[in-house]
Amino acid sequence: MSAKLVTPHGGKLKPLLVSKDLIKSETERAKSLPRVTLNSRETSDLIMLAMGAFSPLDGFMRESDYRTVVSDMLMNDGTLWPIPITLSVSQDQAKNLKTGSEIALFDQDSGAIMGTMTVEDKYSYDKKKEALNVYRTDDSAHPGVAKVYEQKDVYLGGPVKVFSEGHYPQEYGDYYARPEETRAIFEERGWHIVAGFQTRNPIHRSHEYVTKIALEVSDGILIHPLVGKLKADDIPADIRMKCYQVLLDNYYPKENVVLKVYPMEMRYGGPREAVLHAIFRQNFGCSHLIIGRDHAGVGNYYGPFDAQKIFEEISQDKLQIKPLNIDWTFWCYKCDGMASMKTCPHGKEDRLLISGTRQREMLAAGEMPPKEFSRPEVVQILMDYYKSLKK
């Protein structure tokens, strides 16, 4: 019996990866086309388009969609979309590209041809306006805003054909899964209430508690870490994968949890990025997305629960996936267990609260965080990593 999964955003999955039998000929043809080099975020967005995670998009945004996404979180046809998916080039390069022409898309890091795009639109844009609307700040210290300011001055819009998903399928093996593949897993298991958990950090006890709350009300959960580019001080993906796997091996029921990765670059966009996370988790087959404290945030740019509040502003007909809002969680010594602001009547002095910064300081100093904060198997992996940095 097939599980009744949520439908993909926009109605159907739209993967844009060229079939294997055409990749060689399409790549040869692309070598003669004008060359456009993608920055790391553009490459990661292209891969998300390739795998169908950004359905129903068919490429980088045209001006009509870009304008309404920035101002209203809606595409021109009324489809909900919170963050512009764009490709920038210099003014000089834009002048040499004709509307209707085709370009080859190259990754700046590897130098590989990633795909092609038909240029349907060329348009200028206001970087400060995009930053203020999308990130709620124009402060260049915000990593997402800084990335916008670093872009070139003209956007190109149009449909893409993608030849490669970069190093991700080879590097992550079975952990790498496209939306059609996670959907097949959920259907095979008979799941239809599936909670997605977004993470860019190792999972500590509060995260574990949050996911297990979700397990109580779901058929299963998708632990779905981001493995694209992060800030320089974030834990590398290979270390995090070891942490996730040891945790699943020792503390989760295997039949109710799926661990897969996705290749997007983190924008640290707070509320709007939370909506983007929800949209592509719907494409992966999730009915719910766990939204906890400071989802997709950075620094003090967003309130701790702004990412929950934004879903209250979205019309119910715009998004099938629903937020599963969880309060601030922690270990309470008086409760003698994990608790949240909703369930614990005790004061701050009874709660174990360790910030990410404080945890990094402890690990770097060789000091083991208490077992009430993080599982010892996870802490050992992290301590070994921090020790390796000193060699």
Protein backbone atom coordinates (compact mmCIF):
# COMPACT_ATOMS: atom_id res chain seq x y z
CA MET A 1 0.00 0.00 0.00
CA SER A 2 1.50 3.31 -1.08
CA ALA A 3 1.91 5.98 1.58
CA LYS A 4 0.07 9.24 1.03
CA LEU A 5 2.97 11.63 0.98
CA VAL A 6 2.55 15.37 0.54
CA THR A 7 2.72 16.45 -3.10
CA PRO A 8 5.83 18.32 -4.25
CA HIS A 9 5.73 22.11 -4.09
CA GLY A 10 4.02 23.36 -7.22
CA GLY A 11 2.46 19.96 -7.95
CA LYS A 12 5.28 17.77 -9.26
CA LEU A 13 9.01 17.23 -8.98
CA LYS A 14 11.06 18.95 -11.66
CA PRO A 15 14.60 17.48 -11.64
CA LEU A 16 16.84 19.19 -14.18
CA LEU A 17 19.72 16.72 -14.40
CA VAL A 18 20.35 15.64 -17.99
CA SER A 19 19.99 11.89 -18.56
CA LYS A 20 23.26 9.91 -18.45
CA ASP A 21 23.17 9.00 -22.14
CA LEU A 22 23.12 12.70 -23.11
CA ILE A 23 25.68 14.10 -20.68
CA LYS A 24 28.74 13.42 -22.88
CA SER A 25 27.30 15.00 -26.03
CA GLU A 26 25.77 17.94 -24.12
CA THR A 27 29.08 18.58 -22.35
CA GLU A 28 30.97 18.58 -25.67
CA ARG A 29 28.45 21.01 -27.16
CA ALA A 30 28.71 23.28 -24.10
CA LYS A 31 32.46 23.74 -24.62
CA SER A 32 31.77 26.01 -27.60
CA LEU A 33 29.32 28.25 -25.71
CA PRO A 34 30.10 31.52 -23.91
CA ARG A 35 31.45 30.71 -20.46
CA VAL A 36 29.93 31.95 -17.18
CA THR A 37 31.64 31.04 -13.91
CA LEU A 38 29.45 30.28 -10.90
CA ASN A 39 30.38 31.18 -7.34
CA SER A 40 30.01 28.49 -4.68
CA ARG A 41 26.45 29.45 -3.78
CA GLU A 42 25.33 29.52 -7.41
CA THR A 43 26.86 26.08 -7.95
CA SER A 44 25.08 24.66 -4.90
CA ASP A 45 21.79 26.19 -6.07
CA LEU A 46 22.32 24.65 -9.51
CA ILE A 47 22.76 21.22 -7.90
CA MET A 48 19.59 21.73 -5.85
CA LEU A 49 17.82 22.53 -9.14
CA ALA A 50 19.38 19.44 -10.73
CA MET A 51 18.08 17.04 -8.09
CA GLY A 52 14.59 18.56 -8.10
CA ALA A 53 14.91 19.97 -4.58
CA PHE A 54 13.99 23.44 -5.85
CA SER A 55 10.87 22.29 -7.73
CA PRO A 56 8.98 23.92 -9.37
CA LEU A 57 11.85 26.20 -10.50
CA ASP A 58 13.28 25.44 -13.94
CA GLY A 59 16.40 27.57 -13.61
CA PHE A 60 17.71 30.87 -12.32
CA MET A 61 15.00 33.48 -11.74
CA ARG A 62 13.78 35.90 -14.39
CA GLU A 63 13.18 39.49 -13.36
CA SER A 64 9.39 39.17 -12.90
CA ASP A 65 9.85 36.32 -10.40
CA TYR A 66 12.85 37.93 -8.72
CA ARG A 67 11.01 41.19 -7.98
CA THR A 68 7.96 39.55 -6.40
CA VAL A 69 10.05 37.01 -4.45
CA VAL A 70 12.12 39.81 -2.91
CA SER A 71 9.10 41.96 -2.06
CA ASP A 72 6.36 39.42 -1.28
CA MET A 73 7.89 35.90 -1.07
CA LEU A 74 5.82 34.98 -4.13
CA MET A 75 6.75 34.15 -7.69
CA ASN A 76 4.95 35.97 -10.49
CA ASP A 77 2.35 33.19 -10.76
CA GLY A 78 1.60 33.30 -7.02
CA THR A 79 3.76 30.30 -6.01
CA LEU A 80 5.34 30.76 -2.59
CA TRP A 81 9.11 31.24 -2.76
CA PRO A 82 11.04 33.15 -0.06
CA ILE A 83 14.62 33.62 -1.34
CA PRO A 84 15.74 34.54 -4.88
CA ILE A 85 17.69 31.86 -6.75
CA THR A 86 19.93 33.94 -8.98
CA LEU A 87 22.99 33.99 -11.24
CA SER A 88 25.07 37.17 -11.48
CA VAL A 89 27.50 38.39 -14.14
CA SER A 90 29.38 41.63 -14.75
CA GLN A 91 27.87 44.39 -16.85
CA ASP A 92 30.50 43.83 -19.54
CA GLN A 93 29.74 40.13 -19.71
CA ALA A 94 26.00 40.79 -19.82
CA LYS A 95 26.43 43.16 -22.78
CA ASN A 96 28.03 40.37 -24.79
CA LEU A 97 25.21 37.89 -24.15
CA LYS A 98 22.11 38.03 -26.33
CA THR A 99 18.66 37.15 -25.02
CA GLY A 100 17.81 33.70 -26.36
CA SER A 101 21.45 32.62 -26.50
CA GLU A 102 22.87 29.71 -24.53
CA ILE A 103 25.74 29.82 -22.05
CA ALA A 104 27.92 27.18 -20.36
CA LEU A 105 28.00 27.18 -16.56
CA PHE A 106 31.38 26.45 -14.93
CA ASP A 107 32.13 25.89 -11.25
CA GLN A 108 34.76 28.34 -9.98
CA ASP A 109 36.38 25.86 -7.58
CA SER A 110 36.71 22.74 -9.73
CA GLY A 111 36.66 24.37 -13.16
CA ALA A 112 34.14 21.73 -14.29
CA ILE A 113 31.28 22.34 -16.71
CA MET A 114 28.15 22.03 -14.56
CA GLY A 115 25.49 22.65 -17.20
CA THR A 116 24.00 25.16 -19.63
CA MET A 117 21.41 27.91 -19.44
CA THR A 118 19.29 29.66 -22.04
CA VAL A 119 19.46 33.40 -21.32
CA GLU A 120 15.85 34.60 -21.29
CA ASP A 121 16.39 37.67 -19.15
CA LYS A 122 19.09 40.18 -18.16
CA TYR A 123 18.39 42.70 -15.42
CA SER A 124 19.99 44.95 -12.84
CA TYR A 125 18.99 44.82 -9.20
CA ASP A 126 19.37 46.69 -5.91
CA LYS A 127 21.70 44.75 -3.60
CA LYS A 128 20.72 46.70 -0.50
CA LYS A 129 17.01 46.21 -1.14
CA GLU A 130 17.51 42.47 -1.63
CA ALA A 131 19.51 42.28 1.60
CA LEU A 132 16.96 44.24 3.64
CA ASN A 133 13.96 42.28 2.35
CA VAL A 134 15.46 38.80 2.41
CA TYR A 135 17.82 39.01 5.40
CA ARG A 136 16.12 41.83 7.35
CA THR A 137 19.45 43.66 7.53
CA ASP A 138 21.91 45.40 5.22
CA ASP A 139 24.83 44.75 7.57
CA SER A 140 27.75 43.36 5.58
CA ALA A 141 28.86 41.42 8.69
CA HIS A 142 25.90 39.09 8.06
CA PRO A 143 27.33 36.22 5.93
CA GLY A 144 24.28 36.04 3.65
CA VAL A 145 24.29 39.80 3.07
CA ALA A 146 28.04 39.76 2.43
CA LYS A 147 27.47 37.17 -0.30
CA VAL A 148 24.88 39.42 -1.98
CA TYR A 149 27.25 42.41 -1.88
CA GLU A 150 30.04 40.30 -3.42
CA GLN A 151 27.89 39.41 -6.44
CA LYS A 152 28.28 40.99 -9.84
CA ASP A 153 25.84 43.67 -10.97
CA VAL A 154 23.55 41.94 -13.50
CA TYR A 155 21.34 38.89 -13.02
CA LEU A 156 20.74 36.37 -15.80
CA GLY A 157 17.50 34.39 -15.77
CA GLY A 158 16.45 31.32 -17.70
CA PRO A 159 16.04 27.54 -17.74
CA VAL A 160 19.00 25.25 -17.09
CA LYS A 161 20.20 21.81 -18.08
CA VAL A 162 22.51 20.31 -15.46
CA PHE A 163 25.27 17.78 -16.23
CA SER A 164 26.79 17.25 -12.79
CA GLU A 165 25.99 17.19 -9.08
CA GLY A 166 29.61 17.90 -8.28
CA HIS A 167 31.49 15.77 -5.76
CA TYR A 168 28.48 15.09 -3.54
CA PRO A 169 27.21 11.73 -4.90
CA GLN A 170 30.70 10.22 -4.79
CA GLU A 171 31.75 11.76 -1.48
CA TYR A 172 28.58 10.93 0.45
CA GLY A 173 27.51 7.71 -1.26
CA ASP A 174 24.28 6.32 0.21
CA TYR A 175 23.88 9.40 2.41
CA TYR A 176 23.24 11.46 -0.75
CA ALA A 177 19.62 11.21 -1.89
CA ARG A 178 17.43 13.14 -4.30
CA PRO A 179 13.77 13.95 -3.55
CA GLU A 180 12.45 11.07 -5.65
CA GLU A 181 14.72 8.71 -3.68
CA THR A 182 13.68 9.84 -0.20
CA ARG A 183 10.06 9.68 -1.30
CA ALA A 184 10.59 6.09 -2.42
CA ILE A 185 12.10 5.24 0.99
CA PHE A 186 9.16 6.78 2.85
CA GLU A 187 6.62 5.02 0.62
CA GLU A 188 8.39 1.69 1.06
CA ARG A 189 8.21 2.12 4.83
CA GLY A 190 4.56 3.16 4.71
CA TRP A 191 5.25 6.61 6.17
CA HIS A 192 3.04 9.60 5.41
CA ILE A 193 3.65 11.81 8.46
CA VAL A 194 7.35 12.56 8.10
CA ALA A 195 9.18 15.25 10.09
CA GLY A 196 12.30 16.79 8.60
CA PHE A 197 15.12 18.00 10.84
CA GLN A 198 17.43 20.69 9.45
CA THR A 199 20.92 20.82 10.93
CA ARG A 200 24.31 22.31 10.17
CA ASN A 201 25.83 21.33 13.55
CA PRO A 202 26.56 18.12 15.43
CA ILE A 203 23.42 16.97 17.25
CA HIS A 204 23.57 17.53 21.00
CA ARG A 205 21.04 16.45 23.63
CA SER A 206 18.61 19.32 22.98
CA HIS A 207 18.53 18.51 19.25
CA GLU A 208 18.10 14.82 20.07
CA TYR A 209 15.21 15.65 22.39
CA VAL A 210 13.54 17.78 19.71
CA THR A 211 13.77 15.01 17.11
CA LYS A 212 12.38 12.48 19.55
CA ILE A 213 9.41 14.73 20.30
CA ALA A 214 8.83 14.70 16.53
CA LEU A 215 9.15 10.91 16.46
CA GLU A 216 6.33 10.62 18.98
CA VAL A 217 3.90 12.28 16.57
CA SER A 218 5.30 11.05 13.22
CA ASP A 219 5.72 7.82 11.30
CA GLY A 220 9.38 8.66 10.97
CA ILE A 221 11.91 11.48 10.72
CA LEU A 222 14.39 12.61 8.09
CA ILE A 223 17.58 13.90 9.68
CA HIS A 224 18.76 16.09 6.84
CA PRO A 225 22.08 17.87 7.41
CA LEU A 226 23.41 20.51 5.07
CA VAL A 227 26.78 19.61 3.57
CA GLY A 228 27.29 22.65 1.35
CA LYS A 229 29.54 25.57 2.25
CA LEU A 230 29.35 26.97 5.80
CA LYS A 231 31.07 29.65 7.84
CA ALA A 232 34.76 29.07 8.51
CA ASP A 233 34.20 28.24 12.22
CA ASP A 234 31.44 25.66 11.62
CA ILE A 235 32.24 21.96 12.07
CA PRO A 236 33.24 20.33 8.73
CA ALA A 237 30.72 17.98 7.13
CA ASP A 238 32.85 14.83 7.38
CA ILE A 239 33.19 15.26 11.15
CA ARG A 240 29.50 15.99 11.53
CA MET A 241 28.58 12.85 9.56
CA LYS A 242 30.56 10.73 12.04
CA CYS A 243 28.69 12.44 14.88
CA TYR A 244 25.27 11.83 13.28
CA GLN A 245 25.98 8.19 12.55
CA VAL A 246 27.31 7.31 16.00
CA LEU A 247 24.25 8.95 17.53
CA LEU A 248 21.86 7.03 15.28
CA ASP A 249 23.71 3.77 15.95
CA ASN A 250 23.38 4.13 19.71
CA TYR A 251 20.35 6.25 20.55
CA TYR A 252 17.69 6.05 17.79
CA PRO A 253 15.39 3.29 16.51
CA LYS A 254 16.78 2.50 13.06
CA GLU A 255 13.37 1.68 11.55
CA ASN A 256 12.04 5.17 12.28
CA VAL A 257 14.91 7.38 11.15
CA VAL A 258 16.46 8.19 7.77
CA LEU A 259 19.75 10.11 7.53
CA LYS A 260 20.46 11.83 4.20
CA VAL A 261 22.40 14.94 3.19
CA TYR A 262 21.70 17.82 0.83
CA PRO A 263 24.20 20.09 -0.97
CA MET A 264 22.88 23.63 -0.44
CA GLU A 265 25.12 26.41 0.80
CA MET A 266 23.93 27.97 4.05
CA ARG A 267 22.63 31.53 3.73
CA TYR A 268 21.94 32.12 7.46
CA GLY A 269 18.72 33.80 6.37
CA GLY A 270 16.65 33.16 9.49
CA PRO A 271 12.86 33.28 8.87
CA ARG A 272 12.96 33.33 5.07
CA GLU A 273 15.51 30.54 4.95
CA ALA A 274 13.25 28.52 7.27
CA VAL A 275 10.51 28.79 4.63
CA LEU A 276 12.94 27.69 1.92
CA HIS A 277 13.93 24.74 4.13
CA ALA A 278 10.26 23.83 4.43
CA ILE A 279 9.62 24.05 0.69
CA PHE A 280 12.39 21.72 -0.34
CA ARG A 281 11.66 19.33 2.55
CA GLN A 282 8.14 19.09 1.10
CA ASN A 283 9.80 18.14 -2.19
CA PHE A 284 11.76 15.45 -0.34
CA GLY A 285 8.45 14.08 1.00
CA CYS A 286 8.25 15.57 4.49
CA SER A 287 4.86 16.59 5.88
CA HIS A 288 6.41 18.62 8.72
CA LEU A 289 9.60 20.56 9.40
CA ILE A 290 10.93 20.87 12.95
CA ILE A 291 11.41 24.55 13.75
CA GLY A 292 13.22 25.20 17.00
CA ARG A 293 15.02 28.14 18.50
CA ASP A 294 16.88 30.46 16.06
CA HIS A 295 16.32 28.27 13.00
CA ALA A 296 18.82 29.21 10.25
CA GLY A 297 19.93 32.22 12.25
CA VAL A 298 23.30 33.78 12.86
CA GLY A 299 24.43 36.26 15.50
CA ASN A 300 21.62 38.42 16.87
CA TYR A 301 19.96 39.36 13.60
CA TYR A 302 16.72 37.47 14.34
CA GLY A 303 14.54 36.86 17.37
CA PRO A 304 14.79 33.31 18.77
CA PHE A 305 11.40 32.32 17.35
CA ASP A 306 11.06 34.58 14.29
CA ALA A 307 11.41 31.48 12.09
CA GLN A 308 8.27 30.05 13.70
CA LYS A 309 6.31 33.31 13.43
CA ILE A 310 6.87 33.69 9.67
CA PHE A 311 4.77 30.58 8.96
CA GLU A 312 1.79 32.32 10.59
CA GLU A 313 2.00 34.94 7.82
CA ILE A 314 1.74 32.37 5.01
CA SER A 315 -1.68 31.44 3.62
CA GLN A 316 -2.47 27.76 4.22
CA ASP A 317 -3.05 27.16 0.52
CA LYS A 318 0.53 28.21 -0.30
CA LEU A 319 2.38 25.41 1.47
CA GLN A 320 1.45 21.82 2.29
CA ILE A 321 4.28 21.09 4.71
CA LYS A 322 3.63 22.38 8.23
CA PRO A 323 6.02 23.66 10.89
CA LEU A 324 6.42 21.53 14.00
CA ASN A 325 7.27 24.27 16.48
CA ILE A 326 9.38 23.27 19.47
CA ASP A 327 10.28 25.57 22.37
CA TRP A 328 13.75 26.13 23.78
CA THR A 329 14.98 22.79 25.17
CA PHE A 330 17.66 21.93 27.76
CA TRP A 331 18.63 19.59 30.59
CA CYS A 332 17.02 20.51 33.92
CA TYR A 333 18.75 19.23 37.03
CA LYS A 334 15.59 19.52 39.15
CA CYS A 335 13.44 17.76 36.54
CA ASP A 336 16.34 15.29 36.20
CA GLY A 337 15.90 15.12 32.45
CA MET A 338 15.42 16.95 29.19
CA ALA A 339 12.73 19.63 29.27
CA SER A 340 11.56 22.78 27.50
CA MET A 341 10.32 26.21 28.48
CA LYS A 342 6.79 24.82 28.13
CA THR A 343 7.33 21.84 30.43
CA CYS A 344 9.87 22.99 33.03
CA PRO A 345 8.82 25.24 35.96
CA HIS A 346 12.36 25.79 37.28
CA GLY A 347 14.78 28.69 36.95
CA LYS A 348 17.90 29.34 34.91
CA GLU A 349 20.10 28.21 37.77
CA ASP A 350 18.67 24.68 37.43
CA ARG A 351 19.18 24.44 33.67
CA LEU A 352 22.23 23.41 31.68
CA LEU A 353 22.62 25.93 28.86
CA ILE A 354 25.82 25.85 26.81
CA SER A 355 26.11 28.11 23.78
CA GLY A 356 27.72 26.92 20.58
CA THR A 357 30.58 29.34 21.21
CA ARG A 358 31.11 28.02 24.73
CA GLN A 359 31.02 24.42 23.48
CA ARG A 360 33.71 25.17 20.88
CA GLU A 361 35.84 26.83 23.58
CA MET A 362 35.50 23.78 25.85
CA LEU A 363 36.35 21.32 23.09
CA ALA A 364 39.30 23.39 21.88
CA ALA A 365 40.63 23.40 25.45
CA GLY A 366 40.24 19.63 25.72
CA GLU A 367 37.43 20.03 28.25
CA MET A 368 34.60 17.50 27.84
CA PRO A 369 31.08 19.02 27.93
CA PRO A 370 28.86 17.24 30.45
CA LYS A 371 26.91 14.15 29.34
CA GLU A 372 23.69 16.04 30.01
CA PHE A 373 24.62 18.39 27.17
CA SER A 374 26.00 15.97 24.58
CA ARG A 375 26.38 12.22 24.23
CA PRO A 376 29.93 11.08 25.11
CA GLU A 377 30.37 9.27 21.75
CA VAL A 378 29.69 12.54 19.92
CA VAL A 379 31.91 14.57 22.25
CA GLN A 380 34.83 12.19 21.70
CA ILE A 381 34.63 12.64 17.92
CA LEU A 382 34.58 16.42 18.35
CA MET A 383 37.44 16.42 20.86
CA ASP A 384 39.56 14.34 18.48
CA TYR A 385 38.78 16.83 15.70
CA TYR A 386 39.79 19.84 17.79
CA LYS A 387 42.98 18.08 18.92
CA SER A 388 43.84 17.48 15.24
CA LEU A 389 43.69 21.22 14.56
CA LYS A 390 46.54 21.81 17.00
CA LYS A 391 48.94 19.39 15.30
